Amino acid sequence: MEASKKLVAVFLVCIVMISSSVHVSMADGESNAEKFKKAFTVAATEYTVCYNICQKLCSDAGFGYTHCEMKCDEDCTAKLLKERLQNMKN
């Protein structure tokens, strides 16, 4: 069950990443590959920061590595997806 949740989360992140790179204007002359790389770098950086903070707080609370990894992965993915969807609505 947990593996399927992770698969869905990764799939949603990929969809958001692809859709954000598709909707970027071509006016500045950048190729889609360059735009995708920039969008991926931003998303990866945001995820890494969120994950590292969550992992530290969780392990400081006394939980095990596997529990914290699963919790932080799900929490950060959901948080970033929610932010991206809110940005797309605006």
PDB file of N, CA and C in Angstrom:
ATOM      1  N   MET A   1       0.820  -1.186   0.000  1.00  0.00           N
ATOM      2  CA  MET A   1       0.000   0.000   0.000  1.00  0.00           C
ATOM      3  C   MET A   1       0.871   1.260   0.000  1.00  0.00           C
ATOM      4  N   GLU A   2       1.930   1.241   0.829  1.00  0.00           N
ATOM      5  CA  GLU A   2       2.812   2.399   0.905  1.00  0.00           C
ATOM      6  C   GLU A   2       3.565   2.607  -0.408  1.00  0.00           C
ATOM      7  N   ALA A   3       3.939   1.499  -1.045  1.00  0.00           N
ATOM      8  CA  ALA A   3       4.658   1.606  -2.319  1.00  0.00           C
ATOM      9  C   ALA A   3       3.766   2.237  -3.380  1.00  0.00           C
ATOM     10  N   SER A   4       2.497   1.886  -3.370  1.00  0.00           N
ATOM     11  CA  SER A   4       1.596   2.470  -4.356  1.00  0.00           C
ATOM     12  C   SER A   4       1.391   3.961  -4.091  1.00  0.00           C
ATOM     13  N   LYS A   5       1.386   4.373  -2.834  1.00  0.00           N
ATOM     14  CA  LYS A   5       1.266   5.799  -2.506  1.00  0.00           C
ATOM     15  C   LYS A   5       2.486   6.562  -3.019  1.00  0.00           C
ATOM     16  N   LYS A   6       3.661   5.972  -2.837  1.00  0.00           N
ATOM     17  CA  LYS A   6       4.876   6.612  -3.319  1.00  0.00           C
ATOM     18  C   LYS A   6       4.875   6.703  -4.837  1.00  0.00           C
ATOM     19  N   LEU A   7       4.424   5.652  -5.492  1.00  0.00           N
ATOM     20  CA  LEU A   7       4.373   5.644  -6.943  1.00  0.00           C
ATOM     21  C   LEU A   7       3.438   6.734  -7.446  1.00  0.00           C
ATOM     22  N   VAL A   8       2.305   6.869  -6.822  1.00  0.00           N
ATOM     23  CA  VAL A   8       1.346   7.911  -7.202  1.00  0.00           C
ATOM     24  C   VAL A   8       1.955   9.292  -6.948  1.00  0.00           C
ATOM     25  N   ALA A   9       2.629   9.461  -5.823  1.00  0.00           N
ATOM     26  CA  ALA A   9       3.246  10.750  -5.507  1.00  0.00           C
ATOM     27  C   ALA A   9       4.312  11.115  -6.528  1.00  0.00           C
ATOM     28  N   VAL A  10       5.155  10.156  -6.894  1.00  0.00           N
ATOM     29  CA  VAL A  10       6.193  10.406  -7.893  1.00  0.00           C
ATOM     30  C   VAL A  10       5.551  10.726  -9.241  1.00  0.00           C
ATOM     31  N   PHE A  11       4.502  10.005  -9.592  1.00  0.00           N
ATOM     32  CA  PHE A  11       3.795  10.248 -10.847  1.00  0.00           C
ATOM     33  C   PHE A  11       3.227  11.666 -10.868  1.00  0.00           C
ATOM     34  N   LEU A  12       2.611  12.096  -9.775  1.00  0.00           N
ATOM     35  CA  LEU A  12       2.046  13.440  -9.711  1.00  0.00           C
ATOM     36  C   LEU A  12       3.132  14.508  -9.801  1.00  0.00           C
ATOM     37  N   VAL A  13       4.259  14.277  -9.138  1.00  0.00           N
ATOM     38  CA  VAL A  13       5.367  15.226  -9.226  1.00  0.00           C
ATOM     39  C   VAL A  13       5.847  15.334 -10.673  1.00  0.00           C
ATOM     40  N   CYS A  14       5.955  14.204 -11.347  1.00  0.00           N
ATOM     41  CA  CYS A  14       6.383  14.212 -12.750  1.00  0.00           C
ATOM     42  C   CYS A  14       5.389  14.964 -13.619  1.00  0.00           C
ATOM     43  N   ILE A  15       4.105  14.738 -13.397  1.00  0.00           N
ATOM     44  CA  ILE A  15       3.079  15.429 -14.178  1.00  0.00           C
ATOM     45  C   ILE A  15       3.174  16.938 -13.962  1.00  0.00           C
ATOM     46  N   VAL A  16       3.326  17.362 -12.714  1.00  0.00           N
ATOM     47  CA  VAL A  16       3.431  18.791 -12.426  1.00  0.00           C
ATOM     48  C   VAL A  16       4.683  19.375 -13.068  1.00  0.00           C
ATOM     49  N   MET A  17       5.791  18.657 -12.975  1.00  0.00           N
ATOM     50  CA  MET A  17       7.034  19.137 -13.575  1.00  0.00           C
ATOM     51  C   MET A  17       6.894  19.282 -15.088  1.00  0.00           C
ATOM     52  N   ILE A  18       6.324  18.291 -15.729  1.00  0.00           N
ATOM     53  CA  ILE A  18       6.166  18.331 -17.178  1.00  0.00           C
ATOM     54  C   ILE A  18       5.196  19.441 -17.570  1.00  0.00           C
ATOM     55  N   SER A  19       4.095  19.553 -16.859  1.00  0.00           N
ATOM     56  CA  SER A  19       3.122  20.587 -17.204  1.00  0.00           C
ATOM     57  C   SER A  19       3.691  21.983 -16.986  1.00  0.00           C
ATOM     58  N   SER A  20       4.508  22.154 -15.957  1.00  0.00           N
ATOM     59  CA  SER A  20       5.094  23.482 -15.729  1.00  0.00           C
ATOM     60  C   SER A  20       6.097  23.826 -16.817  1.00  0.00           C
ATOM     61  N   SER A  21       6.812  22.840 -17.345  1.00  0.00           N
ATOM     62  CA  SER A  21       7.762  23.134 -18.415  1.00  0.00           C
ATOM     63  C   SER A  21       7.047  23.367 -19.736  1.00  0.00           C
ATOM     64  N   VAL A  22       5.869  22.771 -19.940  1.00  0.00           N
ATOM     65  CA  VAL A  22       5.117  22.953 -21.171  1.00  0.00           C
ATOM     66  C   VAL A  22       4.492  24.346 -21.219  1.00  0.00           C
ATOM     67  N   HIS A  23       4.041  24.852 -20.078  1.00  0.00           N
ATOM     68  CA  HIS A  23       3.345  26.125 -20.037  1.00  0.00           C
ATOM     69  C   HIS A  23       4.269  27.337 -20.028  1.00  0.00           C
ATOM     70  N   VAL A  24       5.560  27.102 -20.008  1.00  0.00           N
ATOM     71  CA  VAL A  24       6.499  28.218 -19.997  1.00  0.00           C
ATOM     72  C   VAL A  24       6.564  28.828 -21.403  1.00  0.00           C
ATOM     73  N   SER A  25       6.580  30.117 -21.458  1.00  0.00           N
ATOM     74  CA  SER A  25       6.588  30.820 -22.743  1.00  0.00           C
ATOM     75  C   SER A  25       7.901  30.600 -23.481  1.00  0.00           C
ATOM     76  N   MET A  26       7.813  30.559 -24.802  1.00  0.00           N
ATOM     77  CA  MET A  26       9.011  30.405 -25.629  1.00  0.00           C
ATOM     78  C   MET A  26       9.574  31.770 -26.034  1.00  0.00           C
ATOM     79  N   ALA A  27       9.062  32.858 -25.489  1.00  0.00           N
ATOM     80  CA  ALA A  27       9.457  34.203 -25.888  1.00  0.00           C
ATOM     81  C   ALA A  27      10.930  34.493 -25.610  1.00  0.00           C
ATOM     82  N   ASP A  28      11.470  33.899 -24.578  1.00  0.00           N
ATOM     83  CA  ASP A  28      12.861  34.196 -24.239  1.00  0.00           C
ATOM     84  C   ASP A  28      13.857  33.364 -25.037  1.00  0.00           C
ATOM     85  N   GLY A  29      13.407  32.456 -25.852  1.00  0.00           N
ATOM     86  CA  GLY A  29      14.279  31.696 -26.737  1.00  0.00           C
ATOM     87  C   GLY A  29      14.928  30.473 -26.116  1.00  0.00           C
ATOM     88  N   GLU A  30      14.613  30.147 -24.883  1.00  0.00           N
ATOM     89  CA  GLU A  30      15.178  28.963 -24.258  1.00  0.00           C
ATOM     90  C   GLU A  30      14.521  27.708 -24.826  1.00  0.00           C
ATOM     91  N   SER A  31      15.268  26.650 -24.917  1.00  0.00           N
ATOM     92  CA  SER A  31      14.688  25.399 -25.373  1.00  0.00           C
ATOM     93  C   SER A  31      13.886  24.765 -24.241  1.00  0.00           C
ATOM     94  N   ASN A  32      13.019  23.845 -24.589  1.00  0.00           N
ATOM     95  CA  ASN A  32      12.217  23.155 -23.579  1.00  0.00           C
ATOM     96  C   ASN A  32      13.105  22.373 -22.618  1.00  0.00           C
ATOM     97  N   ALA A  33      14.189  21.825 -23.134  1.00  0.00           N
ATOM     98  CA  ALA A  33      15.100  21.060 -22.276  1.00  0.00           C
ATOM     99  C   ALA A  33      15.723  21.960 -21.206  1.00  0.00           C
ATOM    100  N   GLU A  34      16.108  23.164 -21.598  1.00  0.00           N
ATOM    101  CA  GLU A  34      16.697  24.094 -20.627  1.00  0.00           C
ATOM    102  C   GLU A  34      15.664  24.518 -19.593  1.00  0.00           C
ATOM    103  N   LYS A  35      14.444  24.780 -20.041  1.00  0.00           N
ATOM    104  CA  LYS A  35      13.374  25.176 -19.125  1.00  0.00           C
ATOM    105  C   LYS A  35      13.037  24.053 -18.162  1.00  0.00           C
ATOM    106  N   PHE A  36      12.975  22.834 -18.685  1.00  0.00           N
ATOM    107  CA  PHE A  36      12.676  21.685 -17.839  1.00  0.00           C
ATOM    108  C   PHE A  36      13.778  21.494 -16.805  1.00  0.00           C
ATOM    109  N   LYS A  37      15.023  21.643 -17.240  1.00  0.00           N
ATOM    110  CA  LYS A  37      16.146  21.473 -16.322  1.00  0.00           C
ATOM    111  C   LYS A  37      16.082  22.501 -15.191  1.00  0.00           C
ATOM    112  N   LYS A  38      15.755  23.750 -15.532  1.00  0.00           N
ATOM    113  CA  LYS A  38      15.633  24.791 -14.503  1.00  0.00           C
ATOM    114  C   LYS A  38      14.475  24.481 -13.557  1.00  0.00           C
ATOM    115  N   ALA A  39      13.330  24.083 -14.119  1.00  0.00           N
ATOM    116  CA  ALA A  39      12.157  23.770 -13.286  1.00  0.00           C
ATOM    117  C   ALA A  39      12.453  22.583 -12.382  1.00  0.00           C
ATOM    118  N   PHE A  40      13.128  21.571 -12.909  1.00  0.00           N
ATOM    119  CA  PHE A  40      13.473  20.392 -12.115  1.00  0.00           C
ATOM    120  C   PHE A  40      14.440  20.761 -10.996  1.00  0.00           C
ATOM    121  N   THR A  41      15.416  21.604 -11.312  1.00  0.00           N
ATOM    122  CA  THR A  41      16.396  22.020 -10.309  1.00  0.00           C
ATOM    123  C   THR A  41      15.716  22.760  -9.162  1.00  0.00           C
ATOM    124  N   VAL A  42      14.798  23.645  -9.495  1.00  0.00           N
ATOM    125  CA  VAL A  42      14.070  24.387  -8.456  1.00  0.00           C
ATOM    126  C   VAL A  42      13.253  23.432  -7.595  1.00  0.00           C
ATOM    127  N   ALA A  43      12.513  22.526  -8.245  1.00  0.00           N
ATOM    128  CA  ALA A  43      11.672  21.579  -7.500  1.00  0.00           C
ATOM    129  C   ALA A  43      12.525  20.649  -6.637  1.00  0.00           C
ATOM    130  N   ALA A  44      13.637  20.176  -7.192  1.00  0.00           N
ATOM    131  CA  ALA A  44      14.510  19.274  -6.439  1.00  0.00           C
ATOM    132  C   ALA A  44      15.116  19.976  -5.228  1.00  0.00           C
ATOM    133  N   THR A  45      15.487  21.237  -5.398  1.00  0.00           N
ATOM    134  CA  THR A  45      16.054  22.007  -4.288  1.00  0.00           C
ATOM    135  C   THR A  45      15.015  22.212  -3.190  1.00  0.00           C
ATOM    136  N   GLU A  46      13.796  22.593  -3.587  1.00  0.00           N
ATOM    137  CA  GLU A  46      12.727  22.796  -2.604  1.00  0.00           C
ATOM    138  C   GLU A  46      12.423  21.502  -1.860  1.00  0.00           C
ATOM    139  N   TYR A  47      12.364  20.387  -2.595  1.00  0.00           N
ATOM    140  CA  TYR A  47      12.083  19.092  -1.973  1.00  0.00           C
ATOM    141  C   TYR A  47      13.197  18.716  -1.001  1.00  0.00           C
ATOM    142  N   THR A  48      14.430  18.907  -1.407  1.00  0.00           N
ATOM    143  CA  THR A  48      15.569  18.535  -0.569  1.00  0.00           C
ATOM    144  C   THR A  48      15.579  19.326   0.735  1.00  0.00           C
ATOM    145  N   VAL A  49      15.324  20.624   0.647  1.00  0.00           N
ATOM    146  CA  VAL A  49      15.286  21.461   1.853  1.00  0.00           C
ATOM    147  C   VAL A  49      14.173  20.969   2.781  1.00  0.00           C
ATOM    148  N   CYS A  50      12.985  20.773   2.223  1.00  0.00           N
ATOM    149  CA  CYS A  50      11.847  20.309   3.022  1.00  0.00           C
ATOM    150  C   CYS A  50      12.160  18.949   3.665  1.00  0.00           C
ATOM    151  N   TYR A  51      12.690  18.033   2.872  1.00  0.00           N
ATOM    152  CA  TYR A  51      12.974  16.681   3.355  1.00  0.00           C
ATOM    153  C   TYR A  51      14.016  16.703   4.468  1.00  0.00           C
ATOM    154  N   ASN A  52      15.081  17.459   4.287  1.00  0.00           N
ATOM    155  CA  ASN A  52      16.148  17.491   5.294  1.00  0.00           C
ATOM    156  C   ASN A  52      15.664  18.062   6.622  1.00  0.00           C
ATOM    157  N   ILE A  53      14.855  19.115   6.561  1.00  0.00           N
ATOM    158  CA  ILE A  53      14.307  19.699   7.792  1.00  0.00           C
ATOM    159  C   ILE A  53      13.386  18.694   8.479  1.00  0.00           C
ATOM    160  N   CYS A  54      12.502  18.089   7.704  1.00  0.00           N
ATOM    161  CA  CYS A  54      11.562  17.108   8.250  1.00  0.00           C
ATOM    162  C   CYS A  54      12.310  15.906   8.851  1.00  0.00           C
ATOM    163  N   GLN A  55      13.309  15.416   8.141  1.00  0.00           N
ATOM    164  CA  GLN A  55      14.090  14.254   8.592  1.00  0.00           C
ATOM    165  C   GLN A  55      14.764  14.566   9.927  1.00  0.00           C
ATOM    166  N   LYS A  56      15.327  15.767  10.046  1.00  0.00           N
ATOM    167  CA  LYS A  56      16.005  16.156  11.293  1.00  0.00           C
ATOM    168  C   LYS A  56      15.004  16.231  12.450  1.00  0.00           C
ATOM    169  N   LEU A  57      13.872  16.892  12.220  1.00  0.00           N
ATOM    170  CA  LEU A  57      12.865  17.007  13.269  1.00  0.00           C
ATOM    171  C   LEU A  57      12.322  15.642  13.676  1.00  0.00           C
ATOM    172  N   CYS A  58      12.090  14.792  12.698  1.00  0.00           N
ATOM    173  CA  CYS A  58      11.531  13.467  12.969  1.00  0.00           C
ATOM    174  C   CYS A  58      12.516  12.594  13.753  1.00  0.00           C
ATOM    175  N   SER A  59      13.779  12.581  13.322  1.00  0.00           N
ATOM    176  CA  SER A  59      14.761  11.760  14.034  1.00  0.00           C
ATOM    177  C   SER A  59      15.062  12.322  15.419  1.00  0.00           C
ATOM    178  N   ASP A  60      14.998  13.655  15.577  1.00  0.00           N
ATOM    179  CA  ASP A  60      15.176  14.257  16.901  1.00  0.00           C
ATOM    180  C   ASP A  60      14.029  13.881  17.833  1.00  0.00           C
ATOM    181  N   ALA A  61      12.856  13.603  17.248  1.00  0.00           N
ATOM    182  CA  ALA A  61      11.699  13.196  18.047  1.00  0.00           C
ATOM    183  C   ALA A  61      11.795  11.730  18.463  1.00  0.00           C
ATOM    184  N   GLY A  62      12.814  11.016  17.966  1.00  0.00           N
ATOM    185  CA  GLY A  62      13.052   9.650  18.404  1.00  0.00           C
ATOM    186  C   GLY A  62      12.507   8.560  17.495  1.00  0.00           C
ATOM    187  N   PHE A  63      12.025   8.936  16.321  1.00  0.00           N
ATOM    188  CA  PHE A  63      11.523   7.921  15.391  1.00  0.00           C
ATOM    189  C   PHE A  63      12.671   7.326  14.591  1.00  0.00           C
ATOM    190  N   GLY A  64      12.448   6.135  14.055  1.00  0.00           N
ATOM    191  CA  GLY A  64      13.462   5.448  13.271  1.00  0.00           C
ATOM    192  C   GLY A  64      13.609   6.021  11.874  1.00  0.00           C
ATOM    193  N   TYR A  65      14.699   5.645  11.217  1.00  0.00           N
ATOM    194  CA  TYR A  65      15.026   6.174   9.891  1.00  0.00           C
ATOM    195  C   TYR A  65      13.932   5.865   8.863  1.00  0.00           C
ATOM    196  N   THR A  66      13.472   4.620   8.833  1.00  0.00           N
ATOM    197  CA  THR A  66      12.479   4.220   7.831  1.00  0.00           C
ATOM    198  C   THR A  66      11.168   4.978   8.029  1.00  0.00           C
ATOM    199  N   HIS A  67      10.732   5.084   9.263  1.00  0.00           N
ATOM    200  CA  HIS A  67       9.509   5.840   9.549  1.00  0.00           C
ATOM    201  C   HIS A  67       9.652   7.288   9.084  1.00  0.00           C
ATOM    202  N   CYS A  68      10.766   7.907   9.433  1.00  0.00           N
ATOM    203  CA  CYS A  68      10.993   9.304   9.070  1.00  0.00           C
ATOM    204  C   CYS A  68      11.111   9.474   7.559  1.00  0.00           C
ATOM    205  N   GLU A  69      11.776   8.540   6.909  1.00  0.00           N
ATOM    206  CA  GLU A  69      11.934   8.627   5.456  1.00  0.00           C
ATOM    207  C   GLU A  69      10.574   8.602   4.763  1.00  0.00           C
ATOM    208  N   MET A  70       9.738   7.660   5.166  1.00  0.00           N
ATOM    209  CA  MET A  70       8.420   7.542   4.546  1.00  0.00           C
ATOM    210  C   MET A  70       7.557   8.756   4.864  1.00  0.00           C
ATOM    211  N   LYS A  71       7.558   9.178   6.115  1.00  0.00           N
ATOM    212  CA  LYS A  71       6.744  10.320   6.533  1.00  0.00           C
ATOM    213  C   LYS A  71       7.177  11.588   5.808  1.00  0.00           C
ATOM    214  N   CYS A  72       8.460  11.854   5.800  1.00  0.00           N
ATOM    215  CA  CYS A  72       8.970  13.089   5.198  1.00  0.00           C
ATOM    216  C   CYS A  72       8.794  13.093   3.680  1.00  0.00           C
ATOM    217  N   ASP A  73       8.965  11.947   3.056  1.00  0.00           N
ATOM    218  CA  ASP A  73       8.763  11.856   1.611  1.00  0.00           C
ATOM    219  C   ASP A  73       7.321  12.197   1.269  1.00  0.00           C
ATOM    220  N   GLU A  74       6.391  11.597   1.976  1.00  0.00           N
ATOM    221  CA  GLU A  74       4.969  11.853   1.712  1.00  0.00           C
ATOM    222  C   GLU A  74       4.596  13.295   2.041  1.00  0.00           C
ATOM    223  N   ASP A  75       5.047  13.789   3.189  1.00  0.00           N
ATOM    224  CA  ASP A  75       4.703  15.149   3.610  1.00  0.00           C
ATOM    225  C   ASP A  75       5.255  16.205   2.649  1.00  0.00           C
ATOM    226  N   CYS A  76       6.521  16.066   2.277  1.00  0.00           N
ATOM    227  CA  CYS A  76       7.140  17.070   1.405  1.00  0.00           C
ATOM    228  C   CYS A  76       6.583  17.007  -0.014  1.00  0.00           C
ATOM    229  N   THR A  77       6.332  15.820  -0.499  1.00  0.00           N
ATOM    230  CA  THR A  77       5.731  15.691  -1.826  1.00  0.00           C
ATOM    231  C   THR A  77       4.358  16.335  -1.854  1.00  0.00           C
ATOM    232  N   ALA A  78       3.558  16.058  -0.842  1.00  0.00           N
ATOM    233  CA  ALA A  78       2.213  16.645  -0.775  1.00  0.00           C
ATOM    234  C   ALA A  78       2.292  18.169  -0.660  1.00  0.00           C
ATOM    235  N   LYS A  79       3.202  18.654   0.163  1.00  0.00           N
ATOM    236  CA  LYS A  79       3.340  20.101   0.354  1.00  0.00           C
ATOM    237  C   LYS A  79       3.730  20.782  -0.958  1.00  0.00           C
ATOM    238  N   LEU A  80       4.724  20.239  -1.650  1.00  0.00           N
ATOM    239  CA  LEU A  80       5.186  20.855  -2.889  1.00  0.00           C
ATOM    240  C   LEU A  80       4.137  20.765  -3.993  1.00  0.00           C
ATOM    241  N   LEU A  81       3.432  19.649  -4.061  1.00  0.00           N
ATOM    242  CA  LEU A  81       2.370  19.523  -5.056  1.00  0.00           C
ATOM    243  C   LEU A  81       1.260  20.538  -4.801  1.00  0.00           C
ATOM    244  N   LYS A  82       0.909  20.707  -3.534  1.00  0.00           N
ATOM    245  CA  LYS A  82      -0.131  21.672  -3.188  1.00  0.00           C
ATOM    246  C   LYS A  82       0.294  23.081  -3.583  1.00  0.00           C
ATOM    247  N   GLU A  83       1.541  23.439  -3.304  1.00  0.00           N
ATOM    248  CA  GLU A  83       2.046  24.762  -3.672  1.00  0.00           C
ATOM    249  C   GLU A  83       2.025  24.962  -5.181  1.00  0.00           C
ATOM    250  N   ARG A  84       2.470  23.947  -5.917  1.00  0.00           N
ATOM    251  CA  ARG A  84       2.503  24.042  -7.383  1.00  0.00           C
ATOM    252  C   ARG A  84       1.095  24.190  -7.962  1.00  0.00           C
ATOM    253  N   LEU A  85       0.162  23.417  -7.424  1.00  0.00           N
ATOM    254  CA  LEU A  85      -1.213  23.501  -7.919  1.00  0.00           C
ATOM    255  C   LEU A  85      -1.827  24.865  -7.597  1.00  0.00           C
ATOM    256  N   GLN A  86      -1.524  25.405  -6.426  1.00  0.00           N
ATOM    257  CA  GLN A  86      -2.012  26.736  -6.066  1.00  0.00           C
ATOM    258  C   GLN A  86      -1.431  27.782  -7.015  1.00  0.00           C
ATOM    259  N   ASN A  87      -0.141  27.650  -7.350  1.00  0.00           N
ATOM    260  CA  ASN A  87       0.494  28.585  -8.278  1.00  0.00           C
ATOM    261  C   ASN A  87      -0.102  28.487  -9.671  1.00  0.00           C
ATOM    262  N   MET A  88      -0.477  27.295 -10.095  1.00  0.00           N
ATOM    263  CA  MET A  88      -1.062  27.109 -11.411  1.00  0.00           C
ATOM    264  C   MET A  88      -2.455  27.724 -11.474  1.00  0.00           C
ATOM    265  N   LYS A  89      -3.189  27.714 -10.357  1.00  0.00           N
ATOM    266  CA  LYS A  89      -4.529  28.299 -10.319  1.00  0.00           C
ATOM    267  C   LYS A  89      -4.461  29.817 -10.441  1.00  0.00           C
ATOM    268  N   ASN A  90      -3.410  30.405  -9.893  1.00  0.00           N
ATOM    269  CA  ASN A  90      -3.285  31.871  -9.893  1.00  0.00           C
ATOM    270  C   ASN A  90      -2.720  32.348 -11.152  1.00  0.00           C
TER     271      ASN A  90
END
